[in-house]
Amino acid sequence: MERADKPGYWQSVTGSIELGETPEQAAVREVKEETGLDALAYNFQDWHASNVYEIYPHWRYRYAAGVTENIEHLFGLMLPSALPITLAPDEHTQYVWVDWREAAQRVFSWTNVDALKRLGERHGLNL
């Protein structure tokens, strides 16, 4: 999905954990908010993996003062086909369904590239 606030920046579903949520609950909520899909209606998987990354300076205003790093938990969602999605217009402007290798070339975040590589590895494929 292409970010609304940064044209040309492509990414997977992302988001923050709200007060009282588990990472899994946050992931399910974010999938619904950003795509309109109910993750629990499909093969939703907790990969039991995470990445720590430095928050880009231009997005630090979204966090408490002094917060410069974030933990990103990885989840997978297997769909039966390339389903139509409903974008949250304040977050994304467009989406495309592409092979995971092409997706890894499009995304701007190293953590998204890592997640896509892990996807390939889970299915016995290489980048």
C-alpha atoms as a PDB file:
ATOM      1  CA  MET A   1       0.000   0.000   0.000  1.00  0.00           C
ATOM      2  CA  GLU A   2       1.274   3.474  -0.801  1.00  0.00           C
ATOM      3  CA  ARG A   3       1.384   5.863   2.147  1.00  0.00           C
ATOM      4  CA  ALA A   4      -0.853   8.937   1.922  1.00  0.00           C
ATOM      5  CA  ASP A   5       1.631  11.097   3.847  1.00  0.00           C
ATOM      6  CA  LYS A   6       4.666   9.992   1.811  1.00  0.00           C
ATOM      7  CA  PRO A   7       3.861   9.375  -1.882  1.00  0.00           C
ATOM      8  CA  GLY A   8       6.151   6.734  -3.345  1.00  0.00           C
ATOM      9  CA  TYR A   9       6.574   4.994   0.025  1.00  0.00           C
ATOM     10  CA  TRP A  10       5.073   1.520  -0.057  1.00  0.00           C
ATOM     11  CA  GLN A  11       4.521  -0.678   2.975  1.00  0.00           C
ATOM     12  CA  SER A  12       2.538  -3.527   4.467  1.00  0.00           C
ATOM     13  CA  VAL A  13      -0.123  -3.039   7.122  1.00  0.00           C
ATOM     14  CA  THR A  14       1.484  -1.332  10.120  1.00  0.00           C
ATOM     15  CA  GLY A  15       0.322   0.408  13.249  1.00  0.00           C
ATOM     16  CA  SER A  16       0.669   0.957  16.953  1.00  0.00           C
ATOM     17  CA  ILE A  17      -0.588  -0.990  19.917  1.00  0.00           C
ATOM     18  CA  GLU A  18      -3.333   0.844  21.770  1.00  0.00           C
ATOM     19  CA  LEU A  19      -3.652   0.831  25.542  1.00  0.00           C
ATOM     20  CA  GLY A  20      -4.731  -2.603  26.760  1.00  0.00           C
ATOM     21  CA  GLU A  21      -4.128  -4.376  23.430  1.00  0.00           C
ATOM     22  CA  THR A  22      -1.859  -7.311  22.766  1.00  0.00           C
ATOM     23  CA  PRO A  23       0.295  -7.192  19.627  1.00  0.00           C
ATOM     24  CA  GLU A  24      -2.050  -9.768  18.048  1.00  0.00           C
ATOM     25  CA  GLN A  25      -5.151  -7.690  18.807  1.00  0.00           C
ATOM     26  CA  ALA A  26      -3.447  -4.606  17.401  1.00  0.00           C
ATOM     27  CA  ALA A  27      -2.535  -6.466  14.207  1.00  0.00           C
ATOM     28  CA  VAL A  28      -6.111  -7.669  13.682  1.00  0.00           C
ATOM     29  CA  ARG A  29      -7.444  -4.144  14.302  1.00  0.00           C
ATOM     30  CA  GLU A  30      -4.891  -2.543  11.960  1.00  0.00           C
ATOM     31  CA  VAL A  31      -5.684  -5.019   9.153  1.00  0.00           C
ATOM     32  CA  LYS A  32      -9.366  -4.099   9.510  1.00  0.00           C
ATOM     33  CA  GLU A  33      -8.691  -0.347   9.617  1.00  0.00           C
ATOM     34  CA  GLU A  34      -6.246  -0.306   6.707  1.00  0.00           C
ATOM     35  CA  THR A  35      -7.789  -2.918   4.385  1.00  0.00           C
ATOM     36  CA  GLY A  36     -11.345  -3.587   5.545  1.00  0.00           C
ATOM     37  CA  LEU A  37     -10.492  -7.291   5.920  1.00  0.00           C
ATOM     38  CA  ASP A  38     -11.275  -9.338   9.027  1.00  0.00           C
ATOM     39  CA  ALA A  39      -7.950 -11.098   9.635  1.00  0.00           C
ATOM     40  CA  LEU A  40      -9.594 -13.696  11.870  1.00  0.00           C
ATOM     41  CA  ALA A  41     -11.797 -14.844   8.977  1.00  0.00           C
ATOM     42  CA  TYR A  42      -8.656 -16.072   7.206  1.00  0.00           C
ATOM     43  CA  ASN A  43      -5.402 -17.828   8.101  1.00  0.00           C
ATOM     44  CA  PHE A  44      -3.937 -15.265  10.521  1.00  0.00           C
ATOM     45  CA  GLN A  45      -0.557 -16.288  11.952  1.00  0.00           C
ATOM     46  CA  ASP A  46       1.616 -14.953  14.738  1.00  0.00           C
ATOM     47  CA  TRP A  47       5.153 -15.489  13.477  1.00  0.00           C
ATOM     48  CA  HIS A  48       6.585 -15.024  16.996  1.00  0.00           C
ATOM     49  CA  ALA A  49       9.199 -12.647  15.631  1.00  0.00           C
ATOM     50  CA  SER A  50       9.920  -8.961  15.959  1.00  0.00           C
ATOM     51  CA  ASN A  51      12.319  -6.256  14.826  1.00  0.00           C
ATOM     52  CA  VAL A  52      13.545  -3.193  16.688  1.00  0.00           C
ATOM     53  CA  TYR A  53      14.079  -0.173  14.475  1.00  0.00           C
ATOM     54  CA  GLU A  54      14.845   3.525  14.748  1.00  0.00           C
ATOM     55  CA  ILE A  55      11.799   5.692  14.098  1.00  0.00           C
ATOM     56  CA  TYR A  56      12.396   8.064  11.202  1.00  0.00           C
ATOM     57  CA  PRO A  57      12.785  11.613  12.583  1.00  0.00           C
ATOM     58  CA  HIS A  58       9.897  12.954  10.463  1.00  0.00           C
ATOM     59  CA  TRP A  59       7.496  10.490  12.176  1.00  0.00           C
ATOM     60  CA  ARG A  60       8.690  10.898  15.778  1.00  0.00           C
ATOM     61  CA  TYR A  61       6.014  13.504  16.505  1.00  0.00           C
ATOM     62  CA  ARG A  62       3.565  10.573  16.716  1.00  0.00           C
ATOM     63  CA  TYR A  63       5.364   9.190  19.782  1.00  0.00           C
ATOM     64  CA  ALA A  64       6.049  10.368  23.313  1.00  0.00           C
ATOM     65  CA  ALA A  65       8.931  12.797  23.724  1.00  0.00           C
ATOM     66  CA  GLY A  66      12.297  11.071  23.592  1.00  0.00           C
ATOM     67  CA  VAL A  67      11.031   7.857  21.956  1.00  0.00           C
ATOM     68  CA  THR A  68      13.339   7.022  19.043  1.00  0.00           C
ATOM     69  CA  GLU A  69      12.946   3.243  18.648  1.00  0.00           C
ATOM     70  CA  ASN A  70      10.010   0.957  18.029  1.00  0.00           C
ATOM     71  CA  ILE A  71       9.375  -2.780  18.219  1.00  0.00           C
ATOM     72  CA  GLU A  72       7.579  -4.254  15.230  1.00  0.00           C
ATOM     73  CA  HIS A  73       5.877  -7.626  15.695  1.00  0.00           C
ATOM     74  CA  LEU A  74       5.486  -9.829  12.633  1.00  0.00           C
ATOM     75  CA  PHE A  75       2.254 -11.540  11.639  1.00  0.00           C
ATOM     76  CA  GLY A  76       1.118 -13.229   8.451  1.00  0.00           C
ATOM     77  CA  LEU A  77      -2.265 -13.354   6.783  1.00  0.00           C
ATOM     78  CA  MET A  78      -2.905 -15.976   4.124  1.00  0.00           C
ATOM     79  CA  LEU A  79      -5.828 -15.125   1.866  1.00  0.00           C
ATOM     80  CA  PRO A  80      -7.582 -17.441  -0.588  1.00  0.00           C
ATOM     81  CA  SER A  81      -6.917 -15.000  -3.444  1.00  0.00           C
ATOM     82  CA  ALA A  82      -6.023 -11.376  -4.154  1.00  0.00           C
ATOM     83  CA  LEU A  83      -9.122  -9.923  -2.519  1.00  0.00           C
ATOM     84  CA  PRO A  84     -10.324  -6.359  -3.064  1.00  0.00           C
ATOM     85  CA  ILE A  85      -9.530  -4.156  -0.095  1.00  0.00           C
ATOM     86  CA  THR A  86     -10.895  -0.875   1.194  1.00  0.00           C
ATOM     87  CA  LEU A  87      -8.077   1.535   1.973  1.00  0.00           C
ATOM     88  CA  ALA A  88      -8.154   4.013   4.834  1.00  0.00           C
ATOM     89  CA  PRO A  89      -7.776   7.181   2.693  1.00  0.00           C
ATOM     90  CA  ASP A  90      -5.978   9.097   5.431  1.00  0.00           C
ATOM     91  CA  GLU A  91      -3.312   6.362   5.524  1.00  0.00           C
ATOM     92  CA  HIS A  92      -2.939   4.972   1.981  1.00  0.00           C
ATOM     93  CA  THR A  93      -3.676   6.119  -1.554  1.00  0.00           C
ATOM     94  CA  GLN A  94      -3.448   2.883  -3.524  1.00  0.00           C
ATOM     95  CA  TYR A  95      -2.598  -0.798  -3.304  1.00  0.00           C
ATOM     96  CA  VAL A  96      -1.434  -3.523  -5.633  1.00  0.00           C
ATOM     97  CA  TRP A  97      -1.146  -7.268  -5.237  1.00  0.00           C
ATOM     98  CA  VAL A  98       2.332  -8.354  -6.329  1.00  0.00           C
ATOM     99  CA  ASP A  99       4.633 -11.317  -5.826  1.00  0.00           C
ATOM    100  CA  TRP A 100       6.489 -11.136  -2.506  1.00  0.00           C
ATOM    101  CA  ARG A 101       9.805 -10.567  -4.316  1.00  0.00           C
ATOM    102  CA  GLU A 102       8.438  -7.509  -6.107  1.00  0.00           C
ATOM    103  CA  ALA A 103       6.908  -6.300  -2.845  1.00  0.00           C
ATOM    104  CA  ALA A 104      10.355  -6.546  -1.206  1.00  0.00           C
ATOM    105  CA  GLN A 105      11.714  -4.239  -3.923  1.00  0.00           C
ATOM    106  CA  ARG A 106       8.883  -1.703  -3.490  1.00  0.00           C
ATOM    107  CA  VAL A 107       8.797  -1.233   0.275  1.00  0.00           C
ATOM    108  CA  PHE A 108      10.925   1.460   1.881  1.00  0.00           C
ATOM    109  CA  SER A 109      11.352  -0.124   5.307  1.00  0.00           C
ATOM    110  CA  TRP A 110      14.057  -2.694   5.998  1.00  0.00           C
ATOM    111  CA  THR A 111      11.654  -4.325   8.450  1.00  0.00           C
ATOM    112  CA  ASN A 112       9.122  -4.851   5.648  1.00  0.00           C
ATOM    113  CA  VAL A 113      11.875  -6.360   3.488  1.00  0.00           C
ATOM    114  CA  ASP A 114      12.783  -8.653   6.398  1.00  0.00           C
ATOM    115  CA  ALA A 115       9.156  -9.745   6.844  1.00  0.00           C
ATOM    116  CA  LEU A 116       8.836 -10.469   3.126  1.00  0.00           C
ATOM    117  CA  LYS A 117      12.048 -12.525   3.160  1.00  0.00           C
ATOM    118  CA  ARG A 118      10.666 -14.470   6.114  1.00  0.00           C
ATOM    119  CA  LEU A 119       7.486 -15.039   4.119  1.00  0.00           C
ATOM    120  CA  GLY A 120       9.538 -16.518   1.300  1.00  0.00           C
ATOM    121  CA  GLU A 121      11.495 -18.694   3.717  1.00  0.00           C
ATOM    122  CA  ARG A 122       8.263 -19.970   5.316  1.00  0.00           C
ATOM    123  CA  HIS A 123       7.238 -21.188   1.878  1.00  0.00           C
ATOM    124  CA  GLY A 124      10.641 -22.541   0.863  1.00  0.00           C
ATOM    125  CA  LEU A 125      11.441 -19.711  -1.547  1.00  0.00           C
ATOM    126  CA  ASN A 126      14.445 -17.391  -1.825  1.00  0.00           C
ATOM    127  CA  LEU A 127      14.698 -13.705  -2.646  1.00  0.00           C
END
